[in-house]
Amino acid sequence: MLAVIKTGGKQYKVQVGDKLKIEKLEGEEGSKITFDEVLLVGDDKNVKIGNPLVKGAKVEAKILKTSKQKKVTGIKFKAKKRYKVKFGHRQTMTEVEITKIA
């Protein structure tokens, strides 16, 4: 069984047993979470495509851990103005394991 879910402004293709890192979700480690925004559900013979969402479809997952990614740095610079600023950002990510597609 295969599904395409939408979370954090991005779309992910998932199957049961997949582990993926997505943008931060609220919840404790070990708790269950449900994704209601399912765009596609299907297998080899039967495929349901939503318009925009598949009605009644849900994907359940278990939160494994919450951590931060590596730092991403950037620089703001304006020529001939003696202006230069370096900045950084570490995005918080949640690792989930897909347990059920219904």
Protein backbone atom coordinates (compact mmCIF):
# COMPACT_ATOMS: atom_id res chain seq x y z
CA MET A 1 0.00 0.00 0.00
CA LEU A 2 1.27 3.44 -0.97
CA ALA A 3 0.12 6.93 0.01
CA VAL A 4 1.09 10.54 -0.66
CA ILE A 5 0.63 12.80 2.37
CA LYS A 6 0.98 16.55 2.80
CA THR A 7 2.55 18.05 5.94
CA GLY A 8 4.68 21.09 6.64
CA GLY A 9 4.00 22.48 3.17
CA LYS A 10 5.64 19.46 1.52
CA GLN A 11 4.42 16.18 0.04
CA TYR A 12 5.84 12.77 0.95
CA LYS A 13 5.38 9.35 -0.68
CA VAL A 14 5.08 6.80 2.15
CA GLN A 15 4.56 3.08 2.73
CA VAL A 16 4.00 1.12 5.93
CA GLY A 17 7.30 0.79 7.80
CA ASP A 18 8.93 3.87 6.26
CA LYS A 19 10.93 6.21 8.51
CA LEU A 20 11.13 9.82 7.43
CA LYS A 21 12.18 13.19 8.82
CA ILE A 22 9.62 15.95 8.49
CA GLU A 23 9.31 19.46 9.89
CA LYS A 24 8.53 19.74 13.60
CA LEU A 25 5.29 18.19 14.83
CA GLU A 26 3.70 18.61 18.25
CA GLY A 27 3.79 15.48 20.39
CA GLU A 28 5.89 13.36 22.72
CA GLU A 29 8.30 10.63 21.64
CA GLY A 30 6.43 7.35 21.29
CA SER A 31 3.03 8.98 20.77
CA LYS A 32 0.88 8.40 17.69
CA ILE A 33 -0.06 11.02 15.13
CA THR A 34 -2.58 10.97 12.27
CA PHE A 35 -2.13 12.64 8.89
CA ASP A 36 -5.53 13.59 7.46
CA GLU A 37 -4.27 15.37 4.33
CA VAL A 38 -3.89 12.34 2.04
CA LEU A 39 -3.55 13.17 -1.67
CA LEU A 40 -3.26 9.64 -3.10
CA VAL A 41 -3.83 6.08 -1.87
CA GLY A 42 -3.18 2.96 -3.88
CA ASP A 43 -1.51 -0.34 -4.59
CA ASP A 44 -0.72 -2.29 -7.77
CA LYS A 45 -4.36 -2.71 -8.86
CA ASN A 46 -6.38 0.04 -7.20
CA VAL A 47 -5.50 3.75 -7.03
CA LYS A 48 -7.56 6.59 -5.54
CA ILE A 49 -6.54 10.15 -6.38
CA GLY A 50 -8.01 12.98 -4.33
CA ASN A 51 -9.53 16.18 -5.58
CA PRO A 52 -7.59 17.63 -3.70
CA LEU A 53 -7.84 15.10 -0.80
CA VAL A 54 -9.00 11.48 -0.64
CA LYS A 55 -12.13 11.34 1.53
CA GLY A 56 -11.88 9.09 4.57
CA ALA A 57 -8.20 8.26 4.06
CA LYS A 58 -5.82 8.50 7.00
CA VAL A 59 -2.16 7.67 7.59
CA GLU A 60 -1.08 6.83 11.14
CA ALA A 61 2.49 7.22 12.34
CA LYS A 62 4.53 6.93 15.53
CA ILE A 63 6.89 9.72 16.63
CA LEU A 64 10.39 8.30 17.12
CA LYS A 65 12.39 11.40 18.06
CA THR A 66 12.73 15.15 17.64
CA SER A 67 16.12 16.63 16.76
CA LYS A 68 17.82 19.46 14.89
CA GLN A 69 19.46 19.35 11.48
CA LYS A 70 22.92 20.67 10.64
CA LYS A 71 23.30 24.45 10.63
CA VAL A 72 22.57 26.29 7.41
CA THR A 73 24.47 29.58 7.11
CA GLY A 74 23.94 32.60 4.91
CA ILE A 75 25.43 36.05 4.38
CA LYS A 76 23.81 39.42 3.73
CA PHE A 77 26.16 41.81 1.93
CA LYS A 78 25.83 45.27 0.38
CA ALA A 79 28.65 46.49 -1.81
CA LYS A 80 30.37 49.80 -0.99
CA LYS A 81 28.32 50.24 2.22
CA ARG A 82 30.53 48.33 4.75
CA TYR A 83 27.56 46.06 5.50
CA LYS A 84 28.06 42.34 6.02
CA VAL A 85 25.99 40.05 8.28
CA LYS A 86 26.45 36.31 8.73
CA PHE A 87 23.50 34.32 10.07
CA GLY A 88 22.64 30.68 10.75
CA HIS A 89 19.61 28.48 11.33
CA ARG A 90 19.06 24.93 12.64
CA GLN A 91 15.69 23.48 11.62
CA THR A 92 13.90 21.25 14.13
CA MET A 93 12.88 17.93 12.57
CA THR A 94 10.67 15.08 13.79
CA GLU A 95 11.43 11.50 12.78
CA VAL A 96 8.30 9.39 12.31
CA GLU A 97 7.60 5.77 11.36
CA ILE A 98 4.50 5.00 9.28
CA THR A 99 2.42 2.33 11.02
CA LYS A 100 -0.88 2.18 9.12
CA ILE A 101 -2.52 3.43 5.93
CA ALA A 102 -6.31 3.34 6.02
